[in-house]
PDB file of N, CA and C in Angstrom:
ATOM      1  N   MET A   1     -74.659  33.279-188.034  1.00  0.00           N
ATOM      2  CA  MET A   1     -74.568  34.109-186.843  1.00  0.00           C
ATOM      3  C   MET A   1     -73.399  33.661-185.969  1.00  0.00           C
ATOM      4  N   CYS A   2     -73.266  32.332-185.786  1.00  0.00           N
ATOM      5  CA  CYS A   2     -72.163  31.819-184.972  1.00  0.00           C
ATOM      6  C   CYS A   2     -70.819  32.125-185.619  1.00  0.00           C
ATOM      7  N   ASN A   3     -70.781  32.078-186.957  1.00  0.00           N
ATOM      8  CA  ASN A   3     -69.527  32.369-187.649  1.00  0.00           C
ATOM      9  C   ASN A   3     -69.098  33.816-187.427  1.00  0.00           C
ATOM     10  N   ILE A   4     -70.066  34.717-187.415  1.00  0.00           N
ATOM     11  CA  ILE A   4     -69.743  36.131-187.198  1.00  0.00           C
ATOM     12  C   ILE A   4     -69.176  36.325-185.793  1.00  0.00           C
ATOM     13  N   ILE A   5     -69.805  35.685-184.807  1.00  0.00           N
ATOM     14  CA  ILE A   5     -69.318  35.800-183.426  1.00  0.00           C
ATOM     15  C   ILE A   5     -67.923  35.194-183.312  1.00  0.00           C
ATOM     16  N   TYR A   6     -67.742  34.032-183.933  1.00  0.00           N
ATOM     17  CA  TYR A   6     -66.450  33.351-183.880  1.00  0.00           C
ATOM     18  C   TYR A   6     -65.354  34.195-184.527  1.00  0.00           C
ATOM     19  N   ILE A   7     -65.667  34.799-185.677  1.00  0.00           N
ATOM     20  CA  ILE A   7     -64.687  35.646-186.370  1.00  0.00           C
ATOM     21  C   ILE A   7     -64.369  36.886-185.537  1.00  0.00           C
ATOM     22  N   SER A   8     -65.387  37.469-184.920  1.00  0.00           N
ATOM     23  CA  SER A   8     -65.129  38.662-184.108  1.00  0.00           C
ATOM     24  C   SER A   8     -64.286  38.319-182.880  1.00  0.00           C
ATOM     25  N   ILE A   9     -64.494  37.132-182.311  1.00  0.00           N
ATOM     26  CA  ILE A   9     -63.674  36.711-181.171  1.00  0.00           C
ATOM     27  C   ILE A   9     -62.229  36.510-181.616  1.00  0.00           C
ATOM     28  N   LEU A  10     -62.055  35.857-182.781  1.00  0.00           N
ATOM     29  CA  LEU A  10     -60.696  35.648-183.292  1.00  0.00           C
ATOM     30  C   LEU A  10     -60.001  36.972-183.594  1.00  0.00           C
ATOM     31  N   GLN A  11     -60.746  37.907-184.181  1.00  0.00           N
ATOM     32  CA  GLN A  11     -60.148  39.212-184.474  1.00  0.00           C
ATOM     33  C   GLN A  11     -59.740  39.922-183.188  1.00  0.00           C
ATOM     34  N   ALA A  12     -60.594  39.802-182.171  1.00  0.00           N
ATOM     35  CA  ALA A  12     -60.270  40.446-180.900  1.00  0.00           C
ATOM     36  C   ALA A  12     -59.048  39.797-180.254  1.00  0.00           C
ATOM     37  N   ILE A  13     -58.944  38.470-180.387  1.00  0.00           N
ATOM     38  CA  ILE A  13     -57.781  37.788-179.811  1.00  0.00           C
ATOM     39  C   ILE A  13     -56.504  38.238-180.513  1.00  0.00           C
ATOM     40  N   TYR A  14     -56.524  38.241-181.839  1.00  0.00           N
ATOM     41  CA  TYR A  14     -55.314  38.607-182.573  1.00  0.00           C
ATOM     42  C   TYR A  14     -54.994  40.094-182.459  1.00  0.00           C
ATOM     43  N   LYS A  15     -56.004  40.916-182.219  1.00  0.00           N
ATOM     44  CA  LYS A  15     -55.764  42.352-182.073  1.00  0.00           C
ATOM     45  C   LYS A  15     -55.137  42.643-180.707  1.00  0.00           C
ATOM     46  N   ASP A  16     -55.601  41.927-179.684  1.00  0.00           N
ATOM     47  CA  ASP A  16     -55.130  42.182-178.321  1.00  0.00           C
ATOM     48  C   ASP A  16     -54.374  40.969-177.778  1.00  0.00           C
ATOM     49  N   VAL A  17     -53.426  40.477-178.562  1.00  0.00           N
ATOM     50  CA  VAL A  17     -52.684  39.292-178.126  1.00  0.00           C
ATOM     51  C   VAL A  17     -51.905  39.574-176.855  1.00  0.00           C
ATOM     52  N   ASN A  18     -51.418  40.768-176.731  1.00  0.00           N
ATOM     53  CA  ASN A  18     -50.606  41.105-175.560  1.00  0.00           C
ATOM     54  C   ASN A  18     -51.448  41.344-174.310  1.00  0.00           C
ATOM     55  N   SER A  19     -52.750  41.391-174.480  1.00  0.00           N
ATOM     56  CA  SER A  19     -53.613  41.638-173.329  1.00  0.00           C
ATOM     57  C   SER A  19     -53.906  40.313-172.625  1.00  0.00           C
ATOM     58  N   LYS A  20     -53.129  40.034-171.594  1.00  0.00           N
ATOM     59  CA  LYS A  20     -53.300  38.766-170.871  1.00  0.00           C
ATOM     60  C   LYS A  20     -54.618  38.741-170.091  1.00  0.00           C
ATOM     61  N   ALA A  21     -55.044  39.884-169.625  1.00  0.00           N
ATOM     62  CA  ALA A  21     -56.305  39.936-168.880  1.00  0.00           C
ATOM     63  C   ALA A  21     -57.478  39.585-169.790  1.00  0.00           C
ATOM     64  N   TYR A  22     -57.417  40.060-171.036  1.00  0.00           N
ATOM     65  CA  TYR A  22     -58.493  39.751-171.984  1.00  0.00           C
ATOM     66  C   TYR A  22     -58.517  38.261-172.305  1.00  0.00           C
ATOM     67  N   LEU A  23     -57.333  37.680-172.549  1.00  0.00           N
ATOM     68  CA  LEU A  23     -57.275  36.247-172.840  1.00  0.00           C
ATOM     69  C   LEU A  23     -57.749  35.424-171.645  1.00  0.00           C
ATOM     70  N   LEU A  24     -57.442  35.883-170.450  1.00  0.00           N
ATOM     71  CA  LEU A  24     -57.899  35.182-169.250  1.00  0.00           C
ATOM     72  C   LEU A  24     -59.416  35.257-169.129  1.00  0.00           C
ATOM     73  N   ARG A  25     -59.977  36.446-169.380  1.00  0.00           N
ATOM     74  CA  ARG A  25     -61.442  36.582-169.346  1.00  0.00           C
ATOM     75  C   ARG A  25     -62.096  35.719-170.411  1.00  0.00           C
ATOM     76  N   LEU A  26     -61.522  35.712-171.616  1.00  0.00           N
ATOM     77  CA  LEU A  26     -62.090  34.930-172.710  1.00  0.00           C
ATOM     78  C   LEU A  26     -62.026  33.435-172.411  1.00  0.00           C
ATOM     79  N   SER A  27     -60.898  32.973-171.917  1.00  0.00           N
ATOM     80  CA  SER A  27     -60.783  31.549-171.605  1.00  0.00           C
ATOM     81  C   SER A  27     -61.727  31.170-170.467  1.00  0.00           C
ATOM     82  N   SER A  28     -61.873  32.039-169.484  1.00  0.00           N
ATOM     83  CA  SER A  28     -62.814  31.764-168.393  1.00  0.00           C
ATOM     84  C   SER A  28     -64.245  31.695-168.912  1.00  0.00           C
ATOM     85  N   PHE A  29     -64.578  32.602-169.823  1.00  0.00           N
ATOM     86  CA  PHE A  29     -65.921  32.597-170.400  1.00  0.00           C
ATOM     87  C   PHE A  29     -66.167  31.324-171.207  1.00  0.00           C
ATOM     88  N   LEU A  30     -65.183  30.902-172.005  1.00  0.00           N
ATOM     89  CA  LEU A  30     -65.349  29.682-172.804  1.00  0.00           C
ATOM     90  C   LEU A  30     -65.451  28.443-171.913  1.00  0.00           C
ATOM     91  N   ILE A  31     -64.689  28.411-170.832  1.00  0.00           N
ATOM     92  CA  ILE A  31     -64.808  27.292-169.882  1.00  0.00           C
ATOM     93  C   ILE A  31     -66.182  27.305-169.233  1.00  0.00           C
ATOM     94  N   TYR A  32     -66.677  28.487-168.905  1.00  0.00           N
ATOM     95  CA  TYR A  32     -68.014  28.621-168.316  1.00  0.00           C
ATOM     96  C   TYR A  32     -69.081  28.095-169.278  1.00  0.00           C
ATOM     97  N   ILE A  33     -69.020  28.489-170.547  1.00  0.00           N
ATOM     98  CA  ILE A  33     -69.990  28.020-171.548  1.00  0.00           C
ATOM     99  C   ILE A  33     -69.882  26.509-171.720  1.00  0.00           C
ATOM    100  N   TYR A  34     -68.657  26.011-171.798  1.00  0.00           N
ATOM    101  CA  TYR A  34     -68.417  24.568-171.939  1.00  0.00           C
ATOM    102  C   TYR A  34     -69.039  23.800-170.771  1.00  0.00           C
ATOM    103  N   THR A  35     -68.858  24.308-169.564  1.00  0.00           N
ATOM    104  CA  THR A  35     -69.406  23.648-168.372  1.00  0.00           C
ATOM    105  C   THR A  35     -70.926  23.649-168.395  1.00  0.00           C
ATOM    106  N   ILE A  36     -71.530  24.768-168.728  1.00  0.00           N
ATOM    107  CA  ILE A  36     -72.993  24.859-168.775  1.00  0.00           C
ATOM    108  C   ILE A  36     -73.560  23.893-169.806  1.00  0.00           C
ATOM    109  N   VAL A  37     -72.958  23.846-170.982  1.00  0.00           N
ATOM    110  CA  VAL A  37     -73.450  22.950-172.038  1.00  0.00           C
ATOM    111  C   VAL A  37     -73.368  21.501-171.591  1.00  0.00           C
ATOM    112  N   HIS A  38     -72.273  21.124-170.970  1.00  0.00           N
ATOM    113  CA  HIS A  38     -72.136  19.735-170.548  1.00  0.00           C
ATOM    114  C   HIS A  38     -73.027  19.393-169.363  1.00  0.00           C
ATOM    115  N   LEU A  39     -73.279  20.347-168.494  1.00  0.00           N
ATOM    116  CA  LEU A  39     -74.230  20.095-167.407  1.00  0.00           C
ATOM    117  C   LEU A  39     -75.640  19.887-167.951  1.00  0.00           C
ATOM    118  N   ILE A  40     -76.025  20.673-168.938  1.00  0.00           N
ATOM    119  CA  ILE A  40     -77.342  20.495-169.563  1.00  0.00           C
ATOM    120  C   ILE A  40     -77.419  19.140-170.245  1.00  0.00           C
ATOM    121  N   TYR A  41     -76.376  18.777-170.982  1.00  0.00           N
ATOM    122  CA  TYR A  41     -76.345  17.470-171.650  1.00  0.00           C
ATOM    123  C   TYR A  41     -76.423  16.336-170.630  1.00  0.00           C
ATOM    124  N   PHE A  42     -75.649  16.448-169.556  1.00  0.00           N
ATOM    125  CA  PHE A  42     -75.642  15.422-168.513  1.00  0.00           C
ATOM    126  C   PHE A  42     -77.020  15.295-167.877  1.00  0.00           C
ATOM    127  N   PHE A  43     -77.653  16.422-167.569  1.00  0.00           N
ATOM    128  CA  PHE A  43     -78.975  16.391-166.943  1.00  0.00           C
ATOM    129  C   PHE A  43     -79.987  15.689-167.839  1.00  0.00           C
ATOM    130  N   PHE A  44     -80.036  16.060-169.117  1.00  0.00           N
ATOM    131  CA  PHE A  44     -81.035  15.471-169.996  1.00  0.00           C
ATOM    132  C   PHE A  44     -80.736  14.017-170.311  1.00  0.00           C
ATOM    133  N   SER A  45     -79.470  13.637-170.396  1.00  0.00           N
ATOM    134  CA  SER A  45     -79.162  12.229-170.647  1.00  0.00           C
ATOM    135  C   SER A  45     -79.543  11.383-169.438  1.00  0.00           C
ATOM    136  N   ILE A  46     -79.270  11.872-168.229  1.00  0.00           N
ATOM    137  CA  ILE A  46     -79.648  11.127-167.019  1.00  0.00           C
ATOM    138  C   ILE A  46     -81.164  11.106-166.879  1.00  0.00           C
ATOM    139  N   GLN A  47     -81.817  12.206-167.180  1.00  0.00           N
ATOM    140  CA  GLN A  47     -83.273  12.261-167.092  1.00  0.00           C
ATOM    141  C   GLN A  47     -83.898  11.266-168.063  1.00  0.00           C
ATOM    142  N   PHE A  48     -83.398  11.217-169.288  1.00  0.00           N
ATOM    143  CA  PHE A  48     -83.910  10.275-170.280  1.00  0.00           C
ATOM    144  C   PHE A  48     -83.683   8.841-169.825  1.00  0.00           C
ATOM    145  N   LEU A  49     -82.488   8.562-169.304  1.00  0.00           N
ATOM    146  CA  LEU A  49     -82.170   7.215-168.841  1.00  0.00           C
ATOM    147  C   LEU A  49     -83.074   6.824-167.678  1.00  0.00           C
ATOM    148  N   THR A  50     -83.332   7.747-166.776  1.00  0.00           N
ATOM    149  CA  THR A  50     -84.192   7.467-165.630  1.00  0.00           C
ATOM    150  C   THR A  50     -85.612   7.158-166.082  1.00  0.00           C
ATOM    151  N   VAL A  51     -86.141   7.927-167.011  1.00  0.00           N
ATOM    152  CA  VAL A  51     -87.509   7.702-167.493  1.00  0.00           C
ATOM    153  C   VAL A  51     -87.612   6.360-168.196  1.00  0.00           C
ATOM    154  N   VAL A  52     -86.630   6.025-169.023  1.00  0.00           N
ATOM    155  CA  VAL A  52     -86.664   4.755-169.750  1.00  0.00           C
ATOM    156  C   VAL A  52     -86.565   3.583-168.784  1.00  0.00           C
ATOM    157  N   LEU A  53     -85.658   3.665-167.816  1.00  0.00           N
ATOM    158  CA  LEU A  53     -85.529   2.575-166.839  1.00  0.00           C
ATOM    159  C   LEU A  53     -86.779   2.452-165.979  1.00  0.00           C
ATOM    160  N   PHE A  54     -87.360   3.579-165.580  1.00  0.00           N
ATOM    161  CA  PHE A  54     -88.583   3.539-164.780  1.00  0.00           C
ATOM    162  C   PHE A  54     -89.711   2.879-165.568  1.00  0.00           C
ATOM    163  N   TRP A  55     -89.860   3.244-166.836  1.00  0.00           N
ATOM    164  CA  TRP A  55     -90.900   2.644-167.673  1.00  0.00           C
ATOM    165  C   TRP A  55     -90.664   1.150-167.825  1.00  0.00           C
ATOM    166  N   PHE A  56     -89.412   0.756-168.030  1.00  0.00           N
ATOM    167  CA  PHE A  56     -89.073  -0.656-168.197  1.00  0.00           C
ATOM    168  C   PHE A  56     -89.394  -1.441-166.927  1.00  0.00           C
ATOM    169  N   MET A  57     -89.065  -0.886-165.768  1.00  0.00           N
ATOM    170  CA  MET A  57     -89.333  -1.582-164.506  1.00  0.00           C
ATOM    171  C   MET A  57     -90.831  -1.701-164.252  1.00  0.00           C
ATOM    172  N   ILE A  58     -91.577  -0.639-164.485  1.00  0.00           N
ATOM    173  CA  ILE A  58     -93.025  -0.683-164.277  1.00  0.00           C
ATOM    174  C   ILE A  58     -93.667  -1.670-165.239  1.00  0.00           C
ATOM    175  N   ASN A  59     -93.220  -1.673-166.476  1.00  0.00           N
ATOM    176  CA  ASN A  59     -93.768  -2.577-167.472  1.00  0.00           C
ATOM    177  C   ASN A  59     -93.522  -4.030-167.075  1.00  0.00           C
ATOM    178  N   ASN A  60     -92.321  -4.350-166.644  1.00  0.00           N
ATOM    179  CA  ASN A  60     -92.020  -5.717-166.217  1.00  0.00           C
ATOM    180  C   ASN A  60     -92.761  -6.083-164.944  1.00  0.00           C
ATOM    181  N   PHE A  61     -92.914  -5.139-164.046  1.00  0.00           N
ATOM    182  CA  PHE A  61     -93.643  -5.393-162.806  1.00  0.00           C
ATOM    183  C   PHE A  61     -95.103  -5.733-163.105  1.00  0.00           C
ATOM    184  N   LEU A  62     -95.734  -4.946-163.974  1.00  0.00           N
ATOM    185  CA  LEU A  62     -97.127  -5.219-164.325  1.00  0.00           C
ATOM    186  C   LEU A  62     -97.259  -6.517-165.110  1.00  0.00           C
ATOM    187  N   TRP A  63     -96.279  -6.814-165.960  1.00  0.00           N
ATOM    188  CA  TRP A  63     -96.312  -8.045-166.745  1.00  0.00           C
ATOM    189  C   TRP A  63     -96.195  -9.261-165.837  1.00  0.00           C
ATOM    190  N   SER A  64     -95.393  -9.167-164.784  1.00  0.00           N
ATOM    191  CA  SER A  64     -95.250 -10.297-163.868  1.00  0.00           C
ATOM    192  C   SER A  64     -96.553 -10.541-163.106  1.00  0.00           C
ATOM    193  N   PHE A  65     -97.259  -9.463-162.738  1.00  0.00           N
ATOM    194  CA  PHE A  65     -98.543  -9.650-162.068  1.00  0.00           C
ATOM    195  C   PHE A  65     -99.596 -10.195-163.024  1.00  0.00           C
ATOM    196  N   LYS A  66     -99.511  -9.809-164.259  1.00  0.00           N
ATOM    197  CA  LYS A  66    -100.491 -10.263-165.243  1.00  0.00           C
ATOM    198  C   LYS A  66    -100.399 -11.772-165.440  1.00  0.00           C
ATOM    199  N   ASN A  67     -99.207 -12.317-165.340  1.00  0.00           N
ATOM    200  CA  ASN A  67     -99.012 -13.744-165.572  1.00  0.00           C
ATOM    201  C   ASN A  67     -99.261 -14.607-164.343  1.00  0.00           C
ATOM    202  N   ARG A  68     -99.511 -14.023-163.219  1.00  0.00           N
ATOM    203  CA  ARG A  68     -99.799 -14.818-162.021  1.00  0.00           C
ATOM    204  C   ARG A  68    -101.218 -15.350-162.083  1.00  0.00           C
ATOM    205  N   SER A  69    -101.429 -16.448-161.408  1.00  0.00           N
ATOM    206  CA  SER A  69    -102.722 -17.131-161.499  1.00  0.00           C
ATOM    207  C   SER A  69    -103.849 -16.347-160.842  1.00  0.00           C
ATOM    208  N   CYS A  70    -103.552 -15.542-159.830  1.00  0.00           N
ATOM    209  CA  CYS A  70    -104.624 -14.816-159.151  1.00  0.00           C
ATOM    210  C   CYS A  70    -105.211 -13.719-160.026  1.00  0.00           C
ATOM    211  N   PHE A  71    -104.484 -13.278-161.051  1.00  0.00           N
ATOM    212  CA  PHE A  71    -104.987 -12.231-161.921  1.00  0.00           C
ATOM    213  C   PHE A  71    -105.493 -12.754-163.260  1.00  0.00           C
ATOM    214  N   THR A  72    -105.293 -14.020-163.530  1.00  0.00           N
ATOM    215  CA  THR A  72    -105.782 -14.576-164.787  1.00  0.00           C
ATOM    216  C   THR A  72    -107.191 -15.099-164.592  1.00  0.00           C
ATOM    217  N   GLN A  73    -107.916 -15.239-165.660  1.00  0.00           N
ATOM    218  CA  GLN A  73    -109.275 -15.751-165.568  1.00  0.00           C
ATOM    219  C   GLN A  73    -109.227 -17.233-165.236  1.00  0.00           C
ATOM    220  N   LYS A  74    -110.018 -17.598-164.267  1.00  0.00           N
ATOM    221  CA  LYS A  74    -110.017 -18.991-163.836  1.00  0.00           C
ATOM    222  C   LYS A  74    -110.962 -19.796-164.714  1.00  0.00           C
ATOM    223  N   LYS A  75    -110.495 -20.969-165.069  1.00  0.00           N
ATOM    224  CA  LYS A  75    -111.313 -21.854-165.888  1.00  0.00           C
ATOM    225  C   LYS A  75    -112.145 -22.735-164.971  1.00  0.00           C
ATOM    226  N   LYS A  76    -113.379 -22.949-165.355  1.00  0.00           N
ATOM    227  CA  LYS A  76    -114.247 -23.807-164.563  1.00  0.00           C
ATOM    228  C   LYS A  76    -114.031 -25.251-164.998  1.00  0.00           C
ATOM    229  N   VAL A  77    -113.666 -26.045-164.040  1.00  0.00           N
ATOM    230  CA  VAL A  77    -113.415 -27.457-164.313  1.00  0.00           C
ATOM    231  C   VAL A  77    -114.397 -28.261-163.475  1.00  0.00           C
ATOM    232  N   MET A  78    -115.025 -29.190-164.123  1.00  0.00           N
ATOM    233  CA  MET A  78    -115.979 -30.023-163.385  1.00  0.00           C
ATOM    234  C   MET A  78    -115.212 -31.011-162.518  1.00  0.00           C
ATOM    235  N   SER A  79    -115.661 -31.173-161.317  1.00  0.00           N
ATOM    236  CA  SER A  79    -115.027 -32.150-160.433  1.00  0.00           C
ATOM    237  C   SER A  79    -115.665 -33.523-160.645  1.00  0.00           C
ATOM    238  N   ASP A  80    -115.051 -34.533-160.099  1.00  0.00           N
ATOM    239  CA  ASP A  80    -115.564 -35.898-160.255  1.00  0.00           C
ATOM    240  C   ASP A  80    -116.922 -36.074-159.588  1.00  0.00           C
ATOM    241  N   SER A  81    -117.158 -35.371-158.519  1.00  0.00           N
ATOM    242  CA  SER A  81    -118.417 -35.551-157.795  1.00  0.00           C
ATOM    243  C   SER A  81    -119.605 -34.966-158.552  1.00  0.00           C
ATOM    244  N   SER A  82    -119.377 -34.039-159.453  1.00  0.00           N
ATOM    245  CA  SER A  82    -120.488 -33.433-160.171  1.00  0.00           C
ATOM    246  C   SER A  82    -120.757 -34.105-161.514  1.00  0.00           C
ATOM    247  N   GLU A  83    -119.918 -35.068-161.887  1.00  0.00           N
ATOM    248  CA  GLU A  83    -120.145 -35.731-163.164  1.00  0.00           C
ATOM    249  C   GLU A  83    -121.306 -36.710-163.053  1.00  0.00           C
ATOM    250  N   ILE A  84    -122.017 -36.843-164.120  1.00  0.00           N
ATOM    251  CA  ILE A  84    -123.163 -37.756-164.166  1.00  0.00           C
ATOM    252  C   ILE A  84    -122.775 -38.934-165.042  1.00  0.00           C
ATOM    253  N   PHE A  85    -122.836 -40.098-164.454  1.00  0.00           N
ATOM    254  CA  PHE A  85    -122.510 -41.305-165.211  1.00  0.00           C
ATOM    255  C   PHE A  85    -123.796 -42.014-165.589  1.00  0.00           C
ATOM    256  N   CYS A  86    -123.834 -42.423-166.788  1.00  0.00           N
ATOM    257  CA  CYS A  86    -125.005 -43.162-167.253  1.00  0.00           C
ATOM    258  C   CYS A  86    -124.631 -44.637-167.343  1.00  0.00           C
ATOM    259  N   HIS A  87    -125.309 -45.472-166.564  1.00  0.00           N
ATOM    260  CA  HIS A  87    -125.057 -46.917-166.591  1.00  0.00           C
ATOM    261  C   HIS A  87    -126.135 -47.576-167.423  1.00  0.00           C
ATOM    262  N   CYS A  88    -125.972 -47.521-168.687  1.00  0.00           N
ATOM    263  CA  CYS A  88    -126.984 -48.102-169.558  1.00  0.00           C
ATOM    264  C   CYS A  88    -126.575 -49.474-170.020  1.00  0.00           C
TER     265      CYS A  88
END
């Protein structure tokens, strides 16, 4: 399908080479399409980068809290005063 459109555009260009207005319209249209495609690419690449960086930051933030002592399970350690000594 794209080849047919491309061939028809080429035929129109070569048929109306002397038509400067047509070439100007065609070049403006191609620049317009080029701009739209690159804006879409730019948007999705930035969106993807933002999501990945956000996930990475949240993951590291949660990991740092997980490793802190207030969030870890506390081990029960007997103190010296609660130990029972047998003097046998």
